[in-house]
Amino acid sequence: MTPGAAVAGPDGALRCPWALSTADYVAYHDEEWGRPVHGDDALFERLALEAFQSGLSWITILRRRAGFRAAFADFKIAAVADFTDADRERLLADTGIIRNRAKIDATLANARELTGWSPGELDALIWSHAPDPAARPVPKTLSDVPAVTPESTALSKALKKRGLRFVGPTTAYALMQACGLVDDHLADCVARRP
């Protein structure tokens, strides 16, 4: 067996090896990761969750996603932008989320910044950085999957230039993977799009 290659899951289908440690991961891998996500609120949620994931395992965020959604008004940009100091204190005490002050503050600041954008502007900006799929080699093993690309670096710079926080190149690339701007499912993975 080639290290980092697709591995048979519980149903015998080949999947990216990272997706097999828990049933939560299998479902997320098969049903969400790498599928196109559009809409400003949906992308704001993904940006926020990727920022919260920084330095942690994604499973930690995935298992608390319902708590995050409840705590952050389903990541509706306008609602989060209206959060008060009392809401910030509530978030810092909420055991259903990651209580990281810098990440909470960044999420609130990002929502406030995004209220000044036109509808669809976040979606358009993010998707304008999607690379040409034909120009990307299909990864055969996990070692073929980058952590940062020129496109994610450019996306990070564009988001930062527009005032968003906690959007470094690695976070931007994780967003690109999760939201389907790139398809990093391995070549033999059952979830890879044709």
N, C-alpha and C. Protein backbone atom coordinates (compact mmCIF):
# COMPACT_ATOMS: atom_id res chain seq x y z
N MET A 1 0.84 -1.18 0.00
CA MET A 1 0.00 0.00 0.00
C MET A 1 0.89 1.25 0.00
N THR A 2 0.57 2.19 -0.83
CA THR A 2 1.32 3.45 -0.93
C THR A 2 0.95 4.35 0.24
N PRO A 3 1.94 4.85 0.99
CA PRO A 3 1.63 5.74 2.11
C PRO A 3 0.87 6.99 1.64
N GLY A 4 -0.21 7.32 2.35
CA GLY A 4 -0.99 8.50 2.03
C GLY A 4 -1.98 8.33 0.89
N ALA A 5 -2.06 7.12 0.33
CA ALA A 5 -3.00 6.88 -0.76
C ALA A 5 -4.40 6.63 -0.19
N ALA A 6 -5.39 6.63 -1.07
CA ALA A 6 -6.76 6.36 -0.65
C ALA A 6 -6.84 5.00 0.03
N VAL A 7 -7.72 4.93 1.04
CA VAL A 7 -7.86 3.73 1.87
C VAL A 7 -9.33 3.31 1.87
N ALA A 8 -9.56 2.01 1.92
CA ALA A 8 -10.93 1.50 1.97
C ALA A 8 -11.60 1.89 3.29
N GLY A 9 -12.80 2.44 3.17
CA GLY A 9 -13.58 2.82 4.34
C GLY A 9 -14.42 1.67 4.84
N PRO A 10 -15.31 1.95 5.79
CA PRO A 10 -16.13 0.89 6.38
C PRO A 10 -17.03 0.19 5.36
N ASP A 11 -17.36 0.88 4.27
CA ASP A 11 -18.20 0.28 3.24
C ASP A 11 -17.38 -0.31 2.09
N GLY A 12 -16.05 -0.28 2.21
CA GLY A 12 -15.17 -0.82 1.19
C GLY A 12 -14.76 0.19 0.13
N ALA A 13 -15.42 1.35 0.08
CA ALA A 13 -15.08 2.38 -0.91
C ALA A 13 -13.79 3.09 -0.50
N LEU A 14 -12.97 3.43 -1.49
CA LEU A 14 -11.72 4.14 -1.22
C LEU A 14 -11.99 5.60 -0.91
N ARG A 15 -11.30 6.09 0.13
CA ARG A 15 -11.46 7.48 0.55
C ARG A 15 -10.11 8.06 0.93
N CYS A 16 -10.06 9.40 1.01
CA CYS A 16 -8.88 10.08 1.53
C CYS A 16 -8.63 9.56 2.95
N PRO A 17 -7.40 9.21 3.29
CA PRO A 17 -7.15 8.59 4.59
C PRO A 17 -7.54 9.43 5.80
N TRP A 18 -7.48 10.77 5.69
CA TRP A 18 -7.84 11.62 6.82
C TRP A 18 -9.30 11.48 7.21
N ALA A 19 -10.12 10.98 6.29
CA ALA A 19 -11.56 10.95 6.51
C ALA A 19 -12.05 9.73 7.26
N LEU A 20 -11.18 8.83 7.62
CA LEU A 20 -11.64 7.54 8.13
C LEU A 20 -11.57 7.35 9.64
N SER A 21 -11.10 8.34 10.38
CA SER A 21 -10.91 8.12 11.82
C SER A 21 -12.20 8.11 12.61
N THR A 22 -13.25 8.78 12.12
CA THR A 22 -14.53 8.79 12.82
C THR A 22 -15.67 8.82 11.81
N ALA A 23 -16.84 8.43 12.26
CA ALA A 23 -18.03 8.49 11.39
C ALA A 23 -18.33 9.93 11.00
N ASP A 24 -18.07 10.88 11.91
CA ASP A 24 -18.29 12.30 11.61
C ASP A 24 -17.44 12.73 10.42
N TYR A 25 -16.19 12.30 10.42
CA TYR A 25 -15.29 12.64 9.32
C TYR A 25 -15.75 12.01 8.01
N VAL A 26 -16.17 10.75 8.05
CA VAL A 26 -16.62 10.08 6.83
C VAL A 26 -17.78 10.85 6.21
N ALA A 27 -18.76 11.22 7.03
CA ALA A 27 -19.91 11.96 6.52
C ALA A 27 -19.50 13.33 5.97
N TYR A 28 -18.66 14.04 6.72
CA TYR A 28 -18.20 15.36 6.25
C TYR A 28 -17.44 15.22 4.94
N HIS A 29 -16.54 14.27 4.86
CA HIS A 29 -15.75 14.02 3.66
C HIS A 29 -16.64 13.69 2.47
N ASP A 30 -17.58 12.79 2.67
CA ASP A 30 -18.41 12.31 1.57
C ASP A 30 -19.46 13.33 1.12
N GLU A 31 -20.00 14.11 2.05
CA GLU A 31 -21.16 14.94 1.75
C GLU A 31 -20.86 16.44 1.62
N GLU A 32 -19.73 16.90 2.18
CA GLU A 32 -19.49 18.34 2.20
C GLU A 32 -18.13 18.77 1.63
N TRP A 33 -17.06 18.20 2.14
CA TRP A 33 -15.73 18.69 1.83
C TRP A 33 -15.46 18.64 0.33
N GLY A 34 -15.07 19.77 -0.22
CA GLY A 34 -14.76 19.83 -1.64
C GLY A 34 -15.95 20.11 -2.54
N ARG A 35 -17.12 20.27 -1.95
CA ARG A 35 -18.31 20.58 -2.77
C ARG A 35 -18.50 22.09 -2.79
N PRO A 36 -18.88 22.64 -3.92
CA PRO A 36 -18.99 24.10 -4.03
C PRO A 36 -19.96 24.71 -3.03
N VAL A 37 -19.49 25.75 -2.37
CA VAL A 37 -20.29 26.53 -1.42
C VAL A 37 -20.35 27.95 -1.94
N HIS A 38 -21.56 28.48 -2.00
CA HIS A 38 -21.77 29.87 -2.44
C HIS A 38 -22.68 30.57 -1.44
N GLY A 39 -22.65 31.88 -1.49
CA GLY A 39 -23.46 32.71 -0.61
C GLY A 39 -22.59 33.36 0.45
N ASP A 40 -22.80 34.64 0.67
CA ASP A 40 -21.96 35.38 1.60
C ASP A 40 -22.02 34.82 3.01
N ASP A 41 -23.22 34.54 3.52
CA ASP A 41 -23.33 34.02 4.88
C ASP A 41 -22.68 32.64 5.00
N ALA A 42 -22.91 31.78 4.02
CA ALA A 42 -22.31 30.44 4.05
C ALA A 42 -20.79 30.52 4.01
N LEU A 43 -20.25 31.41 3.21
CA LEU A 43 -18.80 31.55 3.13
C LEU A 43 -18.24 32.24 4.37
N PHE A 44 -19.00 33.16 4.95
CA PHE A 44 -18.58 33.77 6.22
C PHE A 44 -18.48 32.69 7.30
N GLU A 45 -19.44 31.79 7.34
CA GLU A 45 -19.38 30.69 8.31
C GLU A 45 -18.11 29.87 8.11
N ARG A 46 -17.82 29.51 6.87
CA ARG A 46 -16.65 28.69 6.60
C ARG A 46 -15.37 29.44 6.94
N LEU A 47 -15.32 30.73 6.62
CA LEU A 47 -14.14 31.54 6.99
C LEU A 47 -13.94 31.54 8.50
N ALA A 48 -15.04 31.75 9.22
CA ALA A 48 -14.96 31.79 10.68
C ALA A 48 -14.52 30.44 11.24
N LEU A 49 -15.13 29.37 10.77
CA LEU A 49 -14.79 28.04 11.30
C LEU A 49 -13.36 27.65 10.96
N GLU A 50 -12.90 28.00 9.77
CA GLU A 50 -11.50 27.71 9.43
C GLU A 50 -10.56 28.50 10.33
N ALA A 51 -10.92 29.73 10.68
CA ALA A 51 -10.10 30.51 11.59
C ALA A 51 -10.09 29.88 12.99
N PHE A 52 -11.25 29.43 13.45
CA PHE A 52 -11.31 28.78 14.76
C PHE A 52 -10.52 27.48 14.75
N GLN A 53 -10.45 26.81 13.60
CA GLN A 53 -9.73 25.54 13.50
C GLN A 53 -8.22 25.74 13.58
N SER A 54 -7.74 26.91 13.26
CA SER A 54 -6.30 27.16 13.22
C SER A 54 -5.64 26.67 14.51
N GLY A 55 -4.68 25.75 14.35
CA GLY A 55 -3.97 25.18 15.48
C GLY A 55 -4.68 24.01 16.15
N LEU A 56 -5.84 23.65 15.66
CA LEU A 56 -6.62 22.55 16.23
C LEU A 56 -6.94 21.53 15.15
N SER A 57 -7.48 20.41 15.56
CA SER A 57 -7.96 19.40 14.61
C SER A 57 -9.33 19.82 14.09
N TRP A 58 -9.58 19.58 12.81
CA TRP A 58 -10.88 19.93 12.24
C TRP A 58 -12.02 19.20 12.95
N ILE A 59 -11.79 17.99 13.43
CA ILE A 59 -12.85 17.24 14.10
C ILE A 59 -13.35 18.00 15.33
N THR A 60 -12.47 18.74 15.99
CA THR A 60 -12.87 19.55 17.14
C THR A 60 -13.91 20.59 16.72
N ILE A 61 -13.70 21.21 15.59
CA ILE A 61 -14.64 22.22 15.08
C ILE A 61 -15.90 21.54 14.57
N LEU A 62 -15.73 20.47 13.82
CA LEU A 62 -16.87 19.77 13.23
C LEU A 62 -17.86 19.32 14.31
N ARG A 63 -17.34 18.80 15.39
CA ARG A 63 -18.21 18.31 16.47
C ARG A 63 -18.87 19.45 17.25
N ARG A 64 -18.35 20.65 17.12
CA ARG A 64 -18.93 21.81 17.81
C ARG A 64 -19.66 22.74 16.84
N ARG A 65 -19.80 22.32 15.61
CA ARG A 65 -20.39 23.21 14.61
C ARG A 65 -21.80 23.65 14.99
N ALA A 66 -22.61 22.76 15.53
CA ALA A 66 -23.96 23.15 15.95
C ALA A 66 -23.88 24.21 17.05
N GLY A 67 -22.95 24.06 17.96
CA GLY A 67 -22.76 25.05 19.01
C GLY A 67 -22.31 26.39 18.45
N PHE A 68 -21.40 26.35 17.47
CA PHE A 68 -20.97 27.58 16.81
C PHE A 68 -22.14 28.27 16.13
N ARG A 69 -22.94 27.48 15.42
CA ARG A 69 -24.08 28.08 14.70
C ARG A 69 -25.06 28.72 15.68
N ALA A 70 -25.32 28.05 16.78
CA ALA A 70 -26.23 28.63 17.78
C ALA A 70 -25.62 29.89 18.39
N ALA A 71 -24.35 29.86 18.70
CA ALA A 71 -23.69 30.99 19.36
C ALA A 71 -23.55 32.19 18.44
N PHE A 72 -23.36 31.95 17.14
CA PHE A 72 -23.11 33.02 16.19
C PHE A 72 -24.29 33.25 15.24
N ALA A 73 -25.51 33.07 15.74
CA ALA A 73 -26.72 33.41 14.96
C ALA A 73 -26.70 32.81 13.56
N ASP A 74 -26.32 31.53 13.48
CA ASP A 74 -26.23 30.83 12.19
C ASP A 74 -25.31 31.54 11.19
N PHE A 75 -24.38 32.31 11.72
CA PHE A 75 -23.40 33.03 10.90
C PHE A 75 -24.04 33.96 9.88
N LYS A 76 -25.17 34.52 10.23
CA LYS A 76 -25.78 35.57 9.40
C LYS A 76 -24.94 36.83 9.64
N ILE A 77 -24.32 37.32 8.61
CA ILE A 77 -23.38 38.43 8.74
C ILE A 77 -24.01 39.62 9.46
N ALA A 78 -25.19 40.02 9.04
CA ALA A 78 -25.84 41.19 9.64
C ALA A 78 -26.09 40.98 11.13
N ALA A 79 -26.52 39.79 11.51
CA ALA A 79 -26.80 39.51 12.93
C ALA A 79 -25.52 39.54 13.76
N VAL A 80 -24.46 38.91 13.26
CA VAL A 80 -23.19 38.86 14.01
C VAL A 80 -22.59 40.26 14.10
N ALA A 81 -22.76 41.06 13.07
CA ALA A 81 -22.23 42.43 13.09
C ALA A 81 -22.89 43.27 14.19
N ASP A 82 -24.10 42.91 14.57
CA ASP A 82 -24.82 43.64 15.61
C ASP A 82 -24.53 43.13 17.02
N PHE A 83 -23.66 42.11 17.16
CA PHE A 83 -23.34 41.60 18.49
C PHE A 83 -22.72 42.73 19.33
N THR A 84 -23.08 42.73 20.59
CA THR A 84 -22.63 43.75 21.54
C THR A 84 -21.49 43.21 22.40
N ASP A 85 -21.00 44.05 23.30
CA ASP A 85 -19.99 43.59 24.27
C ASP A 85 -20.55 42.46 25.13
N ALA A 86 -21.85 42.52 25.43
CA ALA A 86 -22.48 41.44 26.21
C ALA A 86 -22.46 40.13 25.42
N ASP A 87 -22.69 40.21 24.12
CA ASP A 87 -22.60 39.01 23.28
C ASP A 87 -21.18 38.46 23.27
N ARG A 88 -20.21 39.35 23.20
CA ARG A 88 -18.80 38.92 23.22
C ARG A 88 -18.50 38.18 24.52
N GLU A 89 -18.96 38.69 25.64
CA GLU A 89 -18.75 38.03 26.93
C GLU A 89 -19.47 36.68 26.97
N ARG A 90 -20.67 36.64 26.38
CA ARG A 90 -21.41 35.37 26.30
C ARG A 90 -20.61 34.34 25.50
N LEU A 91 -20.03 34.77 24.39
CA LEU A 91 -19.24 33.86 23.56
C LEU A 91 -18.01 33.37 24.31
N LEU A 92 -17.37 34.25 25.04
CA LEU A 92 -16.16 33.86 25.79
C LEU A 92 -16.48 32.85 26.90
N ALA A 93 -17.74 32.78 27.30
CA ALA A 93 -18.15 31.83 28.35
C ALA A 93 -18.84 30.59 27.79
N ASP A 94 -19.05 30.53 26.48
CA ASP A 94 -19.82 29.45 25.86
C ASP A 94 -18.96 28.20 25.67
N THR A 95 -19.26 27.15 26.41
CA THR A 95 -18.48 25.90 26.32
C THR A 95 -18.80 25.11 25.06
N GLY A 96 -19.79 25.55 24.29
CA GLY A 96 -20.14 24.86 23.06
C GLY A 96 -19.29 25.27 21.87
N ILE A 97 -18.40 26.25 22.08
CA ILE A 97 -17.52 26.71 21.01
C ILE A 97 -16.08 26.72 21.53
N ILE A 98 -15.16 27.13 20.67
CA ILE A 98 -13.77 27.35 21.08
C ILE A 98 -13.71 28.77 21.63
N ARG A 99 -13.36 28.91 22.88
CA ARG A 99 -13.41 30.22 23.54
C ARG A 99 -12.06 30.93 23.44
N ASN A 100 -11.67 31.20 22.23
CA ASN A 100 -10.41 31.90 21.97
C ASN A 100 -10.74 33.36 21.68
N ARG A 101 -10.29 34.23 22.56
CA ARG A 101 -10.62 35.66 22.48
C ARG A 101 -10.25 36.26 21.11
N ALA A 102 -9.06 35.98 20.62
CA ALA A 102 -8.62 36.57 19.35
C ALA A 102 -9.49 36.09 18.19
N LYS A 103 -9.87 34.83 18.20
CA LYS A 103 -10.68 34.28 17.11
C LYS A 103 -12.12 34.81 17.20
N ILE A 104 -12.64 34.94 18.40
CA ILE A 104 -13.98 35.52 18.57
C ILE A 104 -13.97 36.97 18.10
N ASP A 105 -12.98 37.73 18.55
CA ASP A 105 -12.90 39.13 18.14
C ASP A 105 -12.76 39.27 16.63
N ALA A 106 -11.98 38.40 16.01
CA ALA A 106 -11.81 38.45 14.56
C ALA A 106 -13.13 38.16 13.85
N THR A 107 -13.87 37.18 14.34
CA THR A 107 -15.16 36.84 13.72
C THR A 107 -16.13 38.02 13.81
N LEU A 108 -16.19 38.66 14.97
CA LEU A 108 -17.08 39.82 15.13
C LEU A 108 -16.62 40.98 14.24
N ALA A 109 -15.32 41.24 14.22
CA ALA A 109 -14.79 42.32 13.38
C ALA A 109 -15.02 42.03 11.90
N ASN A 110 -14.85 40.78 11.49
CA ASN A 110 -15.06 40.42 10.09
C ASN A 110 -16.52 40.64 9.69
N ALA A 111 -17.46 40.27 10.57
CA ALA A 111 -18.87 40.48 10.26
C ALA A 111 -19.15 41.97 10.10
N ARG A 112 -18.60 42.78 10.98
CA ARG A 112 -18.82 44.23 10.88
C ARG A 112 -18.23 44.77 9.58
N GLU A 113 -17.06 44.29 9.22
CA GLU A 113 -16.44 44.72 7.98
C GLU A 113 -17.29 44.32 6.77
N LEU A 114 -17.80 43.10 6.79
CA LEU A 114 -18.56 42.58 5.65
C LEU A 114 -19.90 43.27 5.46
N THR A 115 -20.44 43.89 6.50
CA THR A 115 -21.72 44.60 6.31
C THR A 115 -21.57 45.77 5.35
N GLY A 116 -20.36 46.24 5.16
CA GLY A 116 -20.13 47.32 4.20
C GLY A 116 -19.93 46.86 2.77
N TRP A 117 -19.90 45.55 2.58
CA TRP A 117 -19.72 45.00 1.23
C TRP A 117 -21.07 44.86 0.55
N SER A 118 -21.07 44.87 -0.75
CA SER A 118 -22.30 44.64 -1.52
C SER A 118 -22.70 43.17 -1.43
N PRO A 119 -24.01 42.88 -1.55
CA PRO A 119 -24.44 41.48 -1.56
C PRO A 119 -23.71 40.72 -2.68
N GLY A 120 -23.20 39.56 -2.34
CA GLY A 120 -22.49 38.72 -3.30
C GLY A 120 -21.03 39.06 -3.47
N GLU A 121 -20.56 40.12 -2.84
CA GLU A 121 -19.18 40.56 -3.03
C GLU A 121 -18.18 39.59 -2.41
N LEU A 122 -18.49 39.06 -1.22
CA LEU A 122 -17.59 38.08 -0.59
C LEU A 122 -17.50 36.83 -1.45
N ASP A 123 -18.66 36.35 -1.89
CA ASP A 123 -18.70 35.17 -2.76
C ASP A 123 -17.85 35.39 -4.01
N ALA A 124 -18.07 36.53 -4.66
CA ALA A 124 -17.34 36.82 -5.90
C ALA A 124 -15.83 36.93 -5.66
N LEU A 125 -15.44 37.58 -4.56
CA LEU A 125 -14.01 37.73 -4.27
C LEU A 125 -13.36 36.37 -4.03
N ILE A 126 -13.99 35.56 -3.19
CA ILE A 126 -13.42 34.25 -2.89
C ILE A 126 -13.32 33.40 -4.16
N TRP A 127 -14.42 33.30 -4.89
CA TRP A 127 -14.43 32.43 -6.07
C TRP A 127 -13.56 32.95 -7.21
N SER A 128 -13.23 34.24 -7.20
CA SER A 128 -12.33 34.77 -8.24
C SER A 128 -10.92 34.20 -8.10
N HIS A 129 -10.64 33.56 -6.96
CA HIS A 129 -9.31 32.98 -6.73
C HIS A 129 -9.26 31.46 -6.97
N ALA A 130 -10.35 30.91 -7.48
CA ALA A 130 -10.36 29.48 -7.78
C ALA A 130 -9.43 29.21 -8.97
N PRO A 131 -8.49 28.29 -8.81
CA PRO A 131 -7.59 27.99 -9.93
C PRO A 131 -8.29 27.18 -11.01
N ASP A 132 -7.71 27.18 -12.18
CA ASP A 132 -8.23 26.37 -13.28
C ASP A 132 -7.99 24.90 -12.93
N PRO A 133 -9.06 24.12 -12.81
CA PRO A 133 -8.89 22.71 -12.44
C PRO A 133 -8.00 21.94 -13.42
N ALA A 134 -8.04 22.30 -14.68
CA ALA A 134 -7.23 21.60 -15.69
C ALA A 134 -5.74 21.85 -15.50
N ALA A 135 -5.40 22.92 -14.80
CA ALA A 135 -3.99 23.26 -14.60
C ALA A 135 -3.41 22.61 -13.34
N ARG A 136 -4.26 21.91 -12.59
CA ARG A 136 -3.83 21.29 -11.33
C ARG A 136 -3.72 19.78 -11.48
N PRO A 137 -2.60 19.20 -11.09
CA PRO A 137 -2.52 17.74 -11.13
C PRO A 137 -3.44 17.14 -10.07
N VAL A 138 -4.03 16.01 -10.39
CA VAL A 138 -4.90 15.31 -9.44
C VAL A 138 -4.00 14.65 -8.39
N PRO A 139 -4.23 14.92 -7.11
CA PRO A 139 -3.37 14.31 -6.09
C PRO A 139 -3.61 12.80 -5.98
N LYS A 140 -2.51 12.07 -5.92
CA LYS A 140 -2.61 10.61 -5.77
C LYS A 140 -2.43 10.19 -4.32
N THR A 141 -1.66 10.97 -3.56
CA THR A 141 -1.45 10.71 -2.14
C THR A 141 -1.55 12.03 -1.37
N LEU A 142 -1.63 11.93 -0.06
CA LEU A 142 -1.71 13.15 0.76
C LEU A 142 -0.50 14.05 0.58
N SER A 143 0.64 13.47 0.27
CA SER A 143 1.85 14.29 0.07
C SER A 143 1.75 15.17 -1.18
N ASP A 144 0.81 14.87 -2.07
CA ASP A 144 0.59 15.67 -3.26
C ASP A 144 -0.32 16.88 -3.01
N VAL A 145 -0.89 16.96 -1.80
CA VAL A 145 -1.84 18.02 -1.47
C VAL A 145 -1.08 19.13 -0.74
N PRO A 146 -1.07 20.33 -1.30
CA PRO A 146 -0.33 21.43 -0.66
C PRO A 146 -1.09 21.99 0.54
N ALA A 147 -0.39 22.73 1.38
CA ALA A 147 -1.01 23.45 2.50
C ALA A 147 -1.27 24.90 2.11
N VAL A 148 -0.50 25.38 1.15
CA VAL A 148 -0.59 26.76 0.67
C VAL A 148 -0.31 26.73 -0.83
N THR A 149 -1.00 27.59 -1.56
CA THR A 149 -0.77 27.72 -3.00
C THR A 149 -0.66 29.20 -3.36
N PRO A 150 -0.20 29.51 -4.55
CA PRO A 150 -0.19 30.92 -4.96
C PRO A 150 -1.60 31.53 -4.91
N GLU A 151 -2.61 30.74 -5.25
CA GLU A 151 -3.99 31.25 -5.22
C GLU A 151 -4.45 31.54 -3.79
N SER A 152 -4.09 30.65 -2.85
CA SER A 152 -4.51 30.89 -1.46
C SER A 152 -3.77 32.08 -0.86
N THR A 153 -2.52 32.26 -1.27
CA THR A 153 -1.76 33.43 -0.82
C THR A 153 -2.39 34.70 -1.36
N ALA A 154 -2.78 34.68 -2.63
CA ALA A 154 -3.44 35.84 -3.23
C ALA A 154 -4.79 36.11 -2.58
N LEU A 155 -5.56 35.05 -2.29
CA LEU A 155 -6.85 35.21 -1.62
C LEU A 155 -6.65 35.81 -0.23
N SER A 156 -5.69 35.29 0.50
CA SER A 156 -5.39 35.81 1.83
C SER A 156 -5.08 37.30 1.77
N LYS A 157 -4.22 37.68 0.84
CA LYS A 157 -3.85 39.10 0.70
C LYS A 157 -5.06 39.95 0.34
N ALA A 158 -5.91 39.44 -0.55
CA ALA A 158 -7.10 40.20 -0.96
C ALA A 158 -8.07 40.39 0.21
N LEU A 159 -8.27 39.34 0.99
CA LEU A 159 -9.16 39.44 2.15
C LEU A 159 -8.60 40.39 3.20
N LYS A 160 -7.29 40.28 3.46
CA LYS A 160 -6.66 41.17 4.44
C LYS A 160 -6.72 42.63 3.97
N LYS A 161 -6.48 42.83 2.70
CA LYS A 161 -6.52 44.19 2.14
C LYS A 161 -7.89 44.82 2.33
N ARG A 162 -8.91 43.97 2.32
CA ARG A 162 -10.29 44.45 2.50
C ARG A 162 -10.70 44.51 3.96
N GLY A 163 -9.74 44.24 4.88
CA GLY A 163 -10.00 44.44 6.30
C GLY A 163 -10.36 43.19 7.09
N LEU A 164 -10.31 42.02 6.48
CA LEU A 164 -10.65 40.80 7.22
C LEU A 164 -9.44 40.27 7.98
N ARG A 165 -9.72 39.59 9.09
CA ARG A 165 -8.68 39.10 9.98
C ARG A 165 -8.73 37.58 10.09
N PHE A 166 -7.61 37.00 10.53
CA PHE A 166 -7.46 35.55 10.70
C PHE A 166 -7.69 34.82 9.38
N VAL A 167 -7.12 35.35 8.32
CA VAL A 167 -7.30 34.77 6.98
C VAL A 167 -5.93 34.60 6.31
N GLY A 168 -5.01 33.91 6.98
CA GLY A 168 -3.71 33.66 6.41
C GLY A 168 -3.78 32.70 5.23
N PRO A 169 -2.67 32.51 4.52
CA PRO A 169 -2.67 31.66 3.33
C PRO A 169 -3.07 30.20 3.59
N THR A 170 -2.69 29.66 4.75
CA THR A 170 -3.07 28.27 5.06
C THR A 170 -4.57 28.18 5.34
N THR A 171 -5.09 29.13 6.10
CA THR A 171 -6.53 29.18 6.37
C THR A 171 -7.29 29.38 5.06
N ALA A 172 -6.77 30.26 4.20
CA ALA A 172 -7.42 30.50 2.91
C ALA A 172 -7.44 29.23 2.07
N TYR A 173 -6.35 28.45 2.11
CA TYR A 173 -6.34 27.23 1.31
C TYR A 173 -7.30 26.19 1.89
N ALA A 174 -7.37 26.09 3.21
CA ALA A 174 -8.33 25.17 3.83
C ALA A 174 -9.75 25.55 3.42
N LEU A 175 -10.03 26.85 3.36
CA LEU A 175 -11.33 27.33 2.90
C LEU A 175 -11.56 26.91 1.45
N MET A 176 -10.55 27.08 0.62
CA MET A 176 -10.67 26.71 -0.79
C MET A 176 -10.97 25.22 -0.95
N GLN A 177 -10.33 24.40 -0.14
CA GLN A 177 -10.58 22.96 -0.18
C GLN A 177 -11.99 22.63 0.30
N ALA A 178 -12.36 23.19 1.44
CA ALA A 178 -13.65 22.88 2.03
C ALA A 178 -14.82 23.34 1.17
N CYS A 179 -14.64 24.47 0.49
CA CYS A 179 -15.74 25.08 -0.27
C CYS A 179 -15.72 24.76 -1.75
N GLY A 180 -14.86 23.83 -2.17
CA GLY A 180 -14.90 23.34 -3.54
C GLY A 180 -14.22 24.20 -4.58
N LEU A 181 -13.42 25.19 -4.16
CA LEU A 181 -12.67 25.96 -5.14
C LEU A 181 -11.58 25.09 -5.75
N VAL A 182 -11.14 24.12 -5.00
CA VAL A 182 -10.21 23.10 -5.48
C VAL A 182 -10.78 21.75 -5.09
N ASP A 183 -10.43 20.72 -5.82
CA ASP A 183 -10.85 19.36 -5.49
C ASP A 183 -9.61 18.58 -5.11
N ASP A 184 -9.37 18.49 -3.80
CA ASP A 184 -8.20 17.77 -3.31
C ASP A 184 -8.52 16.36 -2.82
N HIS A 185 -9.70 15.84 -3.22
CA HIS A 185 -9.94 14.42 -2.99
C HIS A 185 -8.91 13.66 -3.84
N LEU A 186 -8.35 12.62 -3.28
CA LEU A 186 -7.33 11.86 -4.00
C LEU A 186 -7.91 11.21 -5.25
N ALA A 187 -7.03 10.87 -6.18
CA ALA A 187 -7.45 10.33 -7.47
C ALA A 187 -8.37 9.11 -7.33
N ASP A 188 -8.10 8.23 -6.37
CA ASP A 188 -8.89 7.02 -6.22
C ASP A 188 -10.06 7.17 -5.24
N CYS A 189 -10.27 8.37 -4.71
CA CYS A 189 -11.29 8.60 -3.70
C CYS A 189 -12.69 8.57 -4.31
N VAL A 190 -13.60 7.92 -3.61
CA VAL A 190 -14.98 7.80 -4.08
C VAL A 190 -15.67 9.16 -4.19
N ALA A 191 -15.21 10.16 -3.43
CA ALA A 191 -15.87 11.48 -3.43
C ALA A 191 -15.29 12.43 -4.47
N ARG A 192 -14.27 12.02 -5.18
CA ARG A 192 -13.67 12.91 -6.19
C ARG A 192 -14.66 13.15 -7.32
N ARG A 193 -14.83 14.42 -7.69
CA ARG A 193 -15.73 14.77 -8.78
C ARG A 193 -15.09 14.40 -10.11
N PRO A 194 -15.91 13.93 -11.05
CA PRO A 194 -15.35 13.58 -12.37
C PRO A 194 -14.86 14.79 -13.13
